[in-house]
C-alpha atoms as a PDB file:
ATOM      1  CA  MET A   1     -12.406 -26.336 118.197  1.00  0.00           C
ATOM      2  CA  SER A   2     -10.824 -25.319 121.518  1.00  0.00           C
ATOM      3  CA  ARG A   3      -7.337 -25.927 120.105  1.00  0.00           C
ATOM      4  CA  ASP A   4      -8.154 -23.710 117.112  1.00  0.00           C
ATOM      5  CA  ILE A   5      -9.307 -20.954 119.461  1.00  0.00           C
ATOM      6  CA  GLN A   6      -6.064 -21.274 121.411  1.00  0.00           C
ATOM      7  CA  ILE A   7      -4.089 -20.900 118.175  1.00  0.00           C
ATOM      8  CA  THR A   8      -6.050 -17.792 117.149  1.00  0.00           C
ATOM      9  CA  SER A   9      -5.369 -16.340 120.607  1.00  0.00           C
ATOM     10  CA  ARG A  10      -1.633 -16.870 120.188  1.00  0.00           C
ATOM     11  CA  ILE A  11      -1.681 -15.294 116.725  1.00  0.00           C
ATOM     12  CA  VAL A  12      -3.531 -12.224 117.986  1.00  0.00           C
ATOM     13  CA  SER A  13      -1.326 -11.884 121.062  1.00  0.00           C
ATOM     14  CA  THR A  14       1.811 -12.041 118.916  1.00  0.00           C
ATOM     15  CA  LEU A  15       0.572  -9.525 116.363  1.00  0.00           C
ATOM     16  CA  PHE A  16      -1.062  -6.954 118.628  1.00  0.00           C
ATOM     17  CA  ASP A  17       0.415  -7.592 122.064  1.00  0.00           C
ATOM     18  CA  ALA A  18      -3.135  -7.751 123.370  1.00  0.00           C
ATOM     19  CA  PRO A  19      -5.295 -10.599 124.629  1.00  0.00           C
ATOM     20  CA  GLN A  20      -8.416 -11.479 122.719  1.00  0.00           C
ATOM     21  CA  ILE A  21     -11.750 -10.614 124.305  1.00  0.00           C
ATOM     22  CA  GLU A  22     -13.878 -12.854 122.160  1.00  0.00           C
ATOM     23  CA  VAL A  23     -13.293 -15.487 119.459  1.00  0.00           C
ATOM     24  CA  THR A  24     -16.268 -16.355 117.268  1.00  0.00           C
ATOM     25  CA  PRO A  25     -15.974 -19.241 114.793  1.00  0.00           C
ATOM     26  CA  LEU A  26     -17.888 -18.652 111.570  1.00  0.00           C
ATOM     27  CA  ILE A  27     -19.499 -21.967 110.733  1.00  0.00           C
ATOM     28  CA  GLY A  28     -20.237 -22.593 107.059  1.00  0.00           C
ATOM     29  CA  LYS A  29     -18.303 -19.538 105.867  1.00  0.00           C
ATOM     30  CA  GLY A  30     -15.286 -21.432 104.564  1.00  0.00           C
ATOM     31  CA  SER A  31     -15.239 -24.665 102.578  1.00  0.00           C
ATOM     32  CA  VAL A  32     -11.511 -25.368 103.067  1.00  0.00           C
ATOM     33  CA  ASN A  33     -10.580 -22.894 105.812  1.00  0.00           C
ATOM     34  CA  LYS A  34     -11.439 -22.403 109.469  1.00  0.00           C
ATOM     35  CA  VAL A  35     -12.687 -18.834 109.880  1.00  0.00           C
ATOM     36  CA  PHE A  36     -12.820 -16.780 113.099  1.00  0.00           C
ATOM     37  CA  ILE A  37     -13.723 -13.240 114.099  1.00  0.00           C
ATOM     38  CA  VAL A  38     -11.434 -12.124 116.922  1.00  0.00           C
ATOM     39  CA  LYS A  39     -12.054  -9.084 119.120  1.00  0.00           C
ATOM     40  CA  THR A  40      -9.418  -7.343 121.223  1.00  0.00           C
ATOM     41  CA  VAL A  41      -9.714  -4.158 123.257  1.00  0.00           C
ATOM     42  CA  SER A  42      -8.818  -1.985 120.286  1.00  0.00           C
ATOM     43  CA  ARG A  43      -9.747  -3.880 117.142  1.00  0.00           C
ATOM     44  CA  GLN A  44     -11.600  -6.659 115.409  1.00  0.00           C
ATOM     45  CA  VAL A  45     -10.025  -8.966 112.819  1.00  0.00           C
ATOM     46  CA  VAL A  46     -10.834 -12.017 110.734  1.00  0.00           C
ATOM     47  CA  ILE A  47      -8.484 -14.998 110.880  1.00  0.00           C
ATOM     48  CA  ARG A  48      -8.611 -17.820 108.364  1.00  0.00           C
ATOM     49  CA  MET A  49      -6.547 -20.923 109.084  1.00  0.00           C
ATOM     50  CA  SER A  50      -5.824 -24.256 107.457  1.00  0.00           C
ATOM     51  CA  GLU A  51      -3.602 -27.267 108.088  1.00  0.00           C
ATOM     52  CA  ARG A  52      -3.373 -28.007 104.361  1.00  0.00           C
ATOM     53  CA  ASP A  53       0.216 -28.033 103.021  1.00  0.00           C
ATOM     54  CA  GLU A  54      -0.594 -25.590 100.247  1.00  0.00           C
ATOM     55  CA  ALA A  55      -2.497 -23.120 102.450  1.00  0.00           C
ATOM     56  CA  PHE A  56       0.415 -20.776 103.214  1.00  0.00           C
ATOM     57  CA  ASN A  57       1.163 -20.246  99.522  1.00  0.00           C
ATOM     58  CA  GLU A  58      -2.530 -19.707  98.818  1.00  0.00           C
ATOM     59  CA  TYR A  59      -2.759 -17.066 101.546  1.00  0.00           C
ATOM     60  CA  ALA A  60       0.379 -15.362 100.233  1.00  0.00           C
ATOM     61  CA  LYS A  61      -1.253 -15.209  96.802  1.00  0.00           C
ATOM     62  CA  GLU A  62      -4.433 -13.767  98.270  1.00  0.00           C
ATOM     63  CA  ALA A  63      -2.456 -11.084 100.091  1.00  0.00           C
ATOM     64  CA  TRP A  64      -0.669 -10.110  96.871  1.00  0.00           C
ATOM     65  CA  CYS A  65      -3.911  -9.971  94.880  1.00  0.00           C
ATOM     66  CA  ILE A  66      -5.695  -7.938  97.549  1.00  0.00           C
ATOM     67  CA  GLU A  67      -2.842  -5.440  97.630  1.00  0.00           C
ATOM     68  CA  GLN A  68      -2.925  -5.102  93.843  1.00  0.00           C
ATOM     69  CA  ALA A  69      -6.701  -4.683  93.779  1.00  0.00           C
ATOM     70  CA  ALA A  70      -6.570  -2.030  96.505  1.00  0.00           C
ATOM     71  CA  THR A  71      -4.171   0.053  94.412  1.00  0.00           C
ATOM     72  CA  ARG A  72      -6.811   0.086  91.650  1.00  0.00           C
ATOM     73  CA  GLY A  73      -9.495   1.318  94.031  1.00  0.00           C
ATOM     74  CA  VAL A  74     -11.343  -1.952  94.635  1.00  0.00           C
ATOM     75  CA  PRO A  75     -12.790  -2.023  98.186  1.00  0.00           C
ATOM     76  CA  VAL A  76     -11.146  -5.004  99.887  1.00  0.00           C
ATOM     77  CA  PRO A  77     -10.172  -5.952 103.433  1.00  0.00           C
ATOM     78  CA  SER A  78      -6.616  -5.051 104.396  1.00  0.00           C
ATOM     79  CA  VAL A  79      -4.201  -7.909 105.040  1.00  0.00           C
ATOM     80  CA  ILE A  80      -2.486  -7.607 108.417  1.00  0.00           C
ATOM     81  CA  SER A  81      -0.380 -10.748 108.385  1.00  0.00           C
ATOM     82  CA  VAL A  82       0.256 -14.079 106.689  1.00  0.00           C
ATOM     83  CA  GLY A  83       2.126 -16.720 108.631  1.00  0.00           C
ATOM     84  CA  ARG A  84       2.266 -20.113 110.310  1.00  0.00           C
ATOM     85  CA  CYS A  85       1.417 -21.169 113.847  1.00  0.00           C
ATOM     86  CA  GLU A  86       1.444 -24.690 115.313  1.00  0.00           C
ATOM     87  CA  GLY A  87       1.027 -26.473 112.001  1.00  0.00           C
ATOM     88  CA  ASN A  88      -1.574 -24.052 110.668  1.00  0.00           C
ATOM     89  CA  ALA A  89      -1.086 -21.467 107.966  1.00  0.00           C
ATOM     90  CA  TYR A  90      -3.097 -18.317 108.580  1.00  0.00           C
ATOM     91  CA  ILE A  91      -4.071 -14.992 107.095  1.00  0.00           C
ATOM     92  CA  VAL A  92      -5.266 -12.106 109.278  1.00  0.00           C
ATOM     93  CA  GLN A  93      -7.464  -9.474 107.665  1.00  0.00           C
ATOM     94  CA  SER A  94      -9.355  -6.417 108.797  1.00  0.00           C
ATOM     95  CA  TYR A  95     -12.961  -7.003 109.803  1.00  0.00           C
ATOM     96  CA  ILE A  96     -15.606  -5.293 107.665  1.00  0.00           C
ATOM     97  CA  ALA A  97     -18.945  -4.826 109.403  1.00  0.00           C
ATOM     98  CA  GLY A  98     -22.000  -5.383 107.255  1.00  0.00           C
ATOM     99  CA  ASP A  99     -24.125  -7.976 105.504  1.00  0.00           C
ATOM    100  CA  GLU A 100     -23.026 -10.674 103.117  1.00  0.00           C
ATOM    101  CA  GLY A 101     -24.283  -9.835  99.627  1.00  0.00           C
ATOM    102  CA  ARG A 102     -26.821 -12.670  99.624  1.00  0.00           C
ATOM    103  CA  ASP A 103     -28.343 -11.408 102.887  1.00  0.00           C
ATOM    104  CA  SER A 104     -28.123  -7.672 102.244  1.00  0.00           C
ATOM    105  CA  PRO A 105     -31.339  -5.689 101.696  1.00  0.00           C
ATOM    106  CA  ALA A 106     -29.501  -3.786  98.945  1.00  0.00           C
ATOM    107  CA  GLN A 107     -30.794  -4.334  95.420  1.00  0.00           C
ATOM    108  CA  LYS A 108     -28.952  -7.342  93.990  1.00  0.00           C
ATOM    109  CA  SER A 109     -28.640  -5.867  90.511  1.00  0.00           C
ATOM    110  CA  GLY A 110     -26.948  -2.838  92.071  1.00  0.00           C
ATOM    111  CA  ILE A 111     -24.400  -5.067  93.800  1.00  0.00           C
ATOM    112  CA  TRP A 112     -23.704  -6.900  90.557  1.00  0.00           C
ATOM    113  CA  ARG A 113     -23.262  -3.604  88.722  1.00  0.00           C
ATOM    114  CA  GLU A 114     -20.593  -2.614  91.247  1.00  0.00           C
ATOM    115  CA  LEU A 115     -18.949  -6.020  90.864  1.00  0.00           C
ATOM    116  CA  GLY A 116     -18.770  -5.442  87.125  1.00  0.00           C
ATOM    117  CA  ARG A 117     -16.988  -2.156  87.737  1.00  0.00           C
ATOM    118  CA  TYR A 118     -14.577  -3.878  90.124  1.00  0.00           C
ATOM    119  CA  ALA A 119     -13.893  -6.664  87.617  1.00  0.00           C
ATOM    120  CA  ARG A 120     -12.812  -4.128  85.008  1.00  0.00           C
ATOM    121  CA  LEU A 121     -10.390  -2.591  87.526  1.00  0.00           C
ATOM    122  CA  ILE A 122      -9.029  -6.011  88.498  1.00  0.00           C
ATOM    123  CA  HIS A 123      -8.576  -7.024  84.870  1.00  0.00           C
ATOM    124  CA  SER A 124      -6.487  -3.904  84.301  1.00  0.00           C
ATOM    125  CA  ILE A 125      -3.829  -5.361  86.609  1.00  0.00           C
ATOM    126  CA  GLY A 126      -1.255  -6.573  84.125  1.00  0.00           C
ATOM    127  CA  VAL A 127       0.499  -9.827  85.004  1.00  0.00           C
ATOM    128  CA  PRO A 128       3.271 -11.566  83.069  1.00  0.00           C
ATOM    129  CA  GLY A 129       2.174 -15.127  83.789  1.00  0.00           C
ATOM    130  CA  PHE A 130      -0.737 -17.519  83.385  1.00  0.00           C
ATOM    131  CA  GLY A 131      -2.060 -19.784  86.119  1.00  0.00           C
ATOM    132  CA  LEU A 132      -3.401 -20.113  89.642  1.00  0.00           C
ATOM    133  CA  THR A 133      -0.353 -19.900  91.921  1.00  0.00           C
ATOM    134  CA  LEU A 134       1.516 -16.725  92.821  1.00  0.00           C
ATOM    135  CA  PRO A 135       4.710 -17.750  90.940  1.00  0.00           C
ATOM    136  CA  GLU A 136       2.598 -18.556  87.865  1.00  0.00           C
ATOM    137  CA  ILE A 137       0.846 -15.178  88.136  1.00  0.00           C
ATOM    138  CA  THR A 138       3.941 -13.039  88.663  1.00  0.00           C
ATOM    139  CA  ARG A 139       6.406 -14.825  86.363  1.00  0.00           C
ATOM    140  CA  GLY A 140       6.455 -16.399  82.939  1.00  0.00           C
ATOM    141  CA  ASP A 141       5.051 -15.751  79.479  1.00  0.00           C
ATOM    142  CA  ALA A 142       1.252 -15.622  79.513  1.00  0.00           C
ATOM    143  CA  ARG A 143       0.799 -16.222  75.782  1.00  0.00           C
ATOM    144  CA  LYS A 144       3.117 -19.240  75.691  1.00  0.00           C
ATOM    145  CA  SER A 145       1.536 -20.742  78.794  1.00  0.00           C
ATOM    146  CA  TRP A 146      -1.951 -20.201  77.359  1.00  0.00           C
ATOM    147  CA  LEU A 147      -0.961 -21.984  74.138  1.00  0.00           C
ATOM    148  CA  ARG A 148       0.458 -24.932  76.119  1.00  0.00           C
ATOM    149  CA  TYR A 149      -2.834 -25.113  78.022  1.00  0.00           C
ATOM    150  CA  VAL A 150      -4.897 -25.179  74.821  1.00  0.00           C
ATOM    151  CA  ASP A 151      -2.515 -27.580  73.048  1.00  0.00           C
ATOM    152  CA  TYR A 152      -2.714 -30.042  75.953  1.00  0.00           C
ATOM    153  CA  ASN A 153      -6.491 -30.063  75.721  1.00  0.00           C
ATOM    154  CA  ILE A 154      -6.425 -30.447  71.940  1.00  0.00           C
ATOM    155  CA  ALA A 155      -3.993 -33.376  72.156  1.00  0.00           C
ATOM    156  CA  SER A 156      -6.165 -35.006  74.833  1.00  0.00           C
ATOM    157  CA  LEU A 157      -9.058 -35.292  72.363  1.00  0.00           C
ATOM    158  CA  ALA A 158      -7.732 -38.642  71.131  1.00  0.00           C
ATOM    159  CA  GLU A 159      -9.395 -41.899  70.068  1.00  0.00           C
ATOM    160  CA  ASP A 160      -8.803 -43.391  73.514  1.00  0.00           C
ATOM    161  CA  ASP A 161      -9.942 -40.272  75.379  1.00  0.00           C
ATOM    162  CA  PRO A 162     -11.400 -41.285  78.788  1.00  0.00           C
ATOM    163  CA  LEU A 163     -13.993 -38.519  78.370  1.00  0.00           C
ATOM    164  CA  ILE A 164     -15.499 -40.607  75.558  1.00  0.00           C
ATOM    165  CA  THR A 165     -15.598 -43.645  77.842  1.00  0.00           C
ATOM    166  CA  LEU A 166     -17.302 -41.517  80.523  1.00  0.00           C
ATOM    167  CA  GLY A 167     -19.977 -40.481  78.037  1.00  0.00           C
ATOM    168  CA  VAL A 168     -19.056 -36.798  78.114  1.00  0.00           C
ATOM    169  CA  LEU A 169     -18.802 -36.691  74.316  1.00  0.00           C
ATOM    170  CA  THR A 170     -18.806 -38.938  71.269  1.00  0.00           C
ATOM    171  CA  ARG A 171     -15.971 -39.357  68.767  1.00  0.00           C
ATOM    172  CA  PRO A 172     -17.727 -37.169  66.167  1.00  0.00           C
ATOM    173  CA  GLN A 173     -18.259 -34.519  68.841  1.00  0.00           C
ATOM    174  CA  SER A 174     -14.595 -34.824  69.805  1.00  0.00           C
ATOM    175  CA  ARG A 175     -13.614 -33.777  66.282  1.00  0.00           C
ATOM    176  CA  VAL A 176     -15.962 -30.774  66.505  1.00  0.00           C
ATOM    177  CA  VAL A 177     -14.542 -29.756  69.879  1.00  0.00           C
ATOM    178  CA  LYS A 178     -11.001 -30.063  68.541  1.00  0.00           C
ATOM    179  CA  GLY A 179     -11.946 -27.503  65.886  1.00  0.00           C
ATOM    180  CA  LEU A 180     -13.417 -25.171  68.517  1.00  0.00           C
ATOM    181  CA  PHE A 181     -10.237 -25.376  70.597  1.00  0.00           C
ATOM    182  CA  ALA A 182      -8.077 -24.798  67.503  1.00  0.00           C
ATOM    183  CA  ASP A 183     -10.094 -21.647  66.820  1.00  0.00           C
ATOM    184  CA  LEU A 184      -9.410 -20.450  70.370  1.00  0.00           C
ATOM    185  CA  ARG A 185      -5.717 -21.117  69.842  1.00  0.00           C
ATOM    186  CA  ASP A 186      -5.652 -18.799  66.828  1.00  0.00           C
ATOM    187  CA  ARG A 187      -7.331 -15.919  68.636  1.00  0.00           C
ATOM    188  CA  GLU A 188      -5.508 -13.018  70.286  1.00  0.00           C
ATOM    189  CA  PHE A 189      -6.504 -12.540  73.902  1.00  0.00           C
ATOM    190  CA  ALA A 190      -5.512 -10.002  76.527  1.00  0.00           C
ATOM    191  CA  PHE A 191      -4.217 -11.293  79.858  1.00  0.00           C
ATOM    192  CA  GLY A 192      -4.661  -9.939  83.342  1.00  0.00           C
ATOM    193  CA  LEU A 193      -5.610 -10.777  86.918  1.00  0.00           C
ATOM    194  CA  ASN A 194      -8.993 -12.427  87.486  1.00  0.00           C
ATOM    195  CA  HIS A 195     -10.786 -12.786  90.829  1.00  0.00           C
ATOM    196  CA  GLY A 196     -12.050 -16.218  89.814  1.00  0.00           C
ATOM    197  CA  ASP A 197     -15.123 -16.362  92.071  1.00  0.00           C
ATOM    198  CA  ILE A 198     -17.058 -13.113  91.797  1.00  0.00           C
ATOM    199  CA  SER A 199     -20.324 -13.785  93.618  1.00  0.00           C
ATOM    200  CA  LEU A 200     -22.644 -12.316  96.212  1.00  0.00           C
ATOM    201  CA  LYS A 201     -21.336 -14.745  98.839  1.00  0.00           C
ATOM    202  CA  ASN A 202     -17.906 -13.146  98.464  1.00  0.00           C
ATOM    203  CA  THR A 203     -19.097  -9.625  99.213  1.00  0.00           C
ATOM    204  CA  ILE A 204     -19.837  -7.587 102.308  1.00  0.00           C
ATOM    205  CA  ILE A 205     -22.161  -4.584 102.032  1.00  0.00           C
ATOM    206  CA  ASP A 206     -21.261  -2.102 104.759  1.00  0.00           C
ATOM    207  CA  VAL A 207     -23.596   0.354 106.513  1.00  0.00           C
ATOM    208  CA  ARG A 208     -22.966   2.975 103.814  1.00  0.00           C
ATOM    209  CA  GLY A 209     -23.945   0.528 101.088  1.00  0.00           C
ATOM    210  CA  ARG A 210     -20.396   0.107  99.828  1.00  0.00           C
ATOM    211  CA  VAL A 211     -19.625  -3.284  98.277  1.00  0.00           C
ATOM    212  CA  HIS A 212     -16.420  -4.983  99.491  1.00  0.00           C
ATOM    213  CA  LEU A 213     -14.978  -7.924  97.543  1.00  0.00           C
ATOM    214  CA  LEU A 214     -13.597 -10.847  99.576  1.00  0.00           C
ATOM    215  CA  ASP A 215     -11.986 -14.297  99.168  1.00  0.00           C
ATOM    216  CA  TRP A 216      -9.254 -14.200  96.543  1.00  0.00           C
ATOM    217  CA  GLY A 217      -8.351 -17.885  96.816  1.00  0.00           C
ATOM    218  CA  SER A 218      -9.502 -18.599  93.244  1.00  0.00           C
ATOM    219  CA  ALA A 219      -7.700 -15.604  91.728  1.00  0.00           C
ATOM    220  CA  GLU A 220      -5.522 -16.378  88.727  1.00  0.00           C
ATOM    221  CA  ALA A 221      -3.796 -14.891  85.728  1.00  0.00           C
ATOM    222  CA  SER A 222      -5.813 -15.659  82.621  1.00  0.00           C
ATOM    223  CA  ILE A 223      -7.541 -14.084  79.650  1.00  0.00           C
ATOM    224  CA  VAL A 224      -9.654 -11.015  80.339  1.00  0.00           C
ATOM    225  CA  PRO A 225     -12.515 -10.384  80.555  1.00  0.00           C
ATOM    226  CA  HIS A 226     -13.327 -13.932  79.474  1.00  0.00           C
ATOM    227  CA  HIS A 227     -12.147 -15.932  82.476  1.00  0.00           C
ATOM    228  CA  ASP A 228     -14.393 -14.214  85.028  1.00  0.00           C
ATOM    229  CA  LEU A 229     -17.252 -14.120  82.526  1.00  0.00           C
ATOM    230  CA  ILE A 230     -17.200 -17.884  81.978  1.00  0.00           C
ATOM    231  CA  GLN A 231     -17.233 -18.381  85.746  1.00  0.00           C
ATOM    232  CA  LEU A 232     -20.440 -16.320  85.878  1.00  0.00           C
ATOM    233  CA  LEU A 233     -21.849 -18.378  82.994  1.00  0.00           C
ATOM    234  CA  LYS A 234     -20.969 -21.579  84.835  1.00  0.00           C
ATOM    235  CA  MET A 235     -22.760 -20.489  88.016  1.00  0.00           C
ATOM    236  CA  ASN A 236     -25.722 -19.246  85.977  1.00  0.00           C
ATOM    237  CA  MET A 237     -25.890 -22.639  84.293  1.00  0.00           C
ATOM    238  CA  LEU A 238     -25.467 -24.729  87.456  1.00  0.00           C
ATOM    239  CA  GLU A 239     -27.297 -22.672  90.086  1.00  0.00           C
ATOM    240  CA  GLY A 240     -29.080 -19.794  88.352  1.00  0.00           C
ATOM    241  CA  ASP A 241     -27.030 -17.401  90.491  1.00  0.00           C
ATOM    242  CA  PRO A 242     -26.378 -14.878  89.066  1.00  0.00           C
ATOM    243  CA  ASP A 243     -29.535 -14.852  86.994  1.00  0.00           C
ATOM    244  CA  ASP A 244     -29.694 -13.356  83.498  1.00  0.00           C
ATOM    245  CA  GLU A 245     -30.725  -9.900  84.756  1.00  0.00           C
ATOM    246  CA  GLN A 246     -27.836  -9.812  87.235  1.00  0.00           C
ATOM    247  CA  ILE A 247     -25.349 -10.797  84.538  1.00  0.00           C
ATOM    248  CA  LEU A 248     -26.590  -7.891  82.445  1.00  0.00           C
ATOM    249  CA  ALA A 249     -26.105  -5.573  85.449  1.00  0.00           C
ATOM    250  CA  PHE A 250     -22.538  -6.895  85.832  1.00  0.00           C
ATOM    251  CA  LEU A 251     -21.866  -6.228  82.138  1.00  0.00           C
ATOM    252  CA  ASP A 252     -23.290  -2.725  82.463  1.00  0.00           C
ATOM    253  CA  GLY A 253     -20.943  -1.998  85.357  1.00  0.00           C
ATOM    254  CA  TYR A 254     -18.038  -3.434  83.395  1.00  0.00           C
ATOM    255  CA  GLY A 255     -18.863  -1.392  80.290  1.00  0.00           C
ATOM    256  CA  ILE A 256     -19.767  -4.276  77.963  1.00  0.00           C
ATOM    257  CA  SER A 257     -22.905  -3.684  75.924  1.00  0.00           C
ATOM    258  CA  ARG A 258     -25.505  -6.387  75.486  1.00  0.00           C
ATOM    259  CA  GLY A 259     -24.704  -6.552  71.776  1.00  0.00           C
ATOM    260  CA  ALA A 260     -20.984  -6.945  72.428  1.00  0.00           C
ATOM    261  CA  TYR A 261     -21.719  -9.678  74.955  1.00  0.00           C
ATOM    262  CA  GLU A 262     -23.885 -11.568  72.472  1.00  0.00           C
ATOM    263  CA  ARG A 263     -21.080 -11.374  69.913  1.00  0.00           C
ATOM    264  CA  MET A 264     -18.667 -12.759  72.515  1.00  0.00           C
ATOM    265  CA  MET A 265     -20.960 -15.652  73.392  1.00  0.00           C
ATOM    266  CA  PRO A 266     -19.656 -18.272  70.900  1.00  0.00           C
ATOM    267  CA  VAL A 267     -16.117 -17.754  72.186  1.00  0.00           C
ATOM    268  CA  LEU A 268     -17.304 -17.800  75.810  1.00  0.00           C
ATOM    269  CA  GLU A 269     -19.194 -21.054  75.216  1.00  0.00           C
ATOM    270  CA  SER A 270     -16.066 -22.657  73.713  1.00  0.00           C
ATOM    271  CA  LEU A 271     -13.974 -21.429  76.631  1.00  0.00           C
ATOM    272  CA  LEU A 272     -16.508 -22.847  79.071  1.00  0.00           C
ATOM    273  CA  VAL A 273     -16.092 -26.273  77.443  1.00  0.00           C
ATOM    274  CA  LEU A 274     -12.305 -25.924  77.443  1.00  0.00           C
ATOM    275  CA  ARG A 275     -12.199 -25.155  81.135  1.00  0.00           C
ATOM    276  CA  ALA A 276     -14.765 -27.851  82.031  1.00  0.00           C
ATOM    277  CA  PHE A 277     -12.817 -30.499  80.101  1.00  0.00           C
ATOM    278  CA  ASP A 278      -9.503 -29.381  81.584  1.00  0.00           C
ATOM    279  CA  LYS A 279     -10.895 -29.484  85.136  1.00  0.00           C
ATOM    280  CA  LEU A 280     -12.353 -32.951  84.522  1.00  0.00           C
ATOM    281  CA  ARG A 281      -9.012 -34.245  83.228  1.00  0.00           C
ATOM    282  CA  TRP A 282      -7.336 -32.828  86.336  1.00  0.00           C
ATOM    283  CA  ALA A 283      -9.913 -34.535  88.560  1.00  0.00           C
ATOM    284  CA  LEU A 284      -9.320 -37.845  86.775  1.00  0.00           C
ATOM    285  CA  GLU A 285      -5.550 -37.563  87.079  1.00  0.00           C
ATOM    286  CA  TRP A 286      -5.651 -36.791  90.794  1.00  0.00           C
ATOM    287  CA  ASN A 287      -8.564 -39.110  91.621  1.00  0.00           C
ATOM    288  CA  VAL A 288     -10.554 -36.238  93.102  1.00  0.00           C
ATOM    289  CA  GLU A 289     -13.695 -37.020  95.085  1.00  0.00           C
ATOM    290  CA  GLY A 290     -16.977 -35.953  93.560  1.00  0.00           C
ATOM    291  CA  LEU A 291     -15.943 -36.837  90.019  1.00  0.00           C
ATOM    292  CA  GLU A 292     -19.542 -37.049  88.837  1.00  0.00           C
ATOM    293  CA  GLY A 293     -19.928 -33.306  89.401  1.00  0.00           C
ATOM    294  CA  PHE A 294     -17.035 -32.624  87.016  1.00  0.00           C
ATOM    295  CA  VAL A 295     -18.489 -35.064  84.487  1.00  0.00           C
ATOM    296  CA  SER A 296     -21.959 -33.521  84.700  1.00  0.00           C
ATOM    297  CA  HIS A 297     -20.637 -29.988  84.255  1.00  0.00           C
ATOM    298  CA  ALA A 298     -18.512 -31.015  81.253  1.00  0.00           C
ATOM    299  CA  ARG A 299     -21.520 -32.665  79.596  1.00  0.00           C
ATOM    300  CA  GLU A 300     -23.729 -29.662  80.207  1.00  0.00           C
ATOM    301  CA  ALA A 301     -21.111 -27.168  78.981  1.00  0.00           C
ATOM    302  CA  LEU A 302     -20.683 -29.183  75.775  1.00  0.00           C
ATOM    303  CA  SER A 303     -24.419 -29.529  75.232  1.00  0.00           C
ATOM    304  CA  ARG A 304     -24.890 -25.803  75.702  1.00  0.00           C
ATOM    305  CA  CYS A 305     -22.034 -24.992  73.316  1.00  0.00           C
ATOM    306  CA  LEU A 306     -23.148 -27.344  70.544  1.00  0.00           C
ATOM    307  CA  ALA A 307     -26.747 -26.198  70.862  1.00  0.00           C
END
């Protein structure tokens, strides 16, 4: 940890020409990043660092997404710098004083209603591409890339599909799912920027009660509003957070009526299966640890959809 603190000190000294007064590591606030609050004489900032090869590109994407969201009026931290120092990529952001959404005394449904309003603003950010990385977001043909994504998952539903071997689905179910995916392929969707992980843990509620949206590492160009909605459905299904009432508050903030949401549900359920299957195939290809979690989610998404 001492080496990490030394690196944060060098970053701060380079950026602000001022020594740090205090460096506080935030334990448990980043699953793949080291996170620090750094105080100088004149300011307080948050530094996130990682030695992962892909971290710099991820931080550059976050900075771009935050800038775009800010232009739409979404309260976000400002990005001060993205760079590299001694083998670590880093992003420096303004510090926002307040409580994390899960710990805030503010009414949770009120926070979710604001998040729904923010999601609508974020989804209005038009992007040409489709995908998770900054080049995929800012370049390409979203419709063509979406069709390639769906076609890959349709073609993967073969007789020798490893998902059948894993017990995720049966061969008769595979034929049903292929029909669901073909229906998605024929639909016309709008594309835009998605936050990808809208949740209370990614918010700060300041002293005025204003909700700030953080952590854009999962942001991607995809179909709107569906992509962020299926992420909420996934977390509702796996953890019960958000609960049903909070999802309705989010929809209210977004401007989607309960009736419209219920009419969207069959498509959302199919999309949830599509994404769960695609993520599982990725995990199999790259031999990702924790495979059983991907398998369990794929089974549950399919069971929910077919029910």
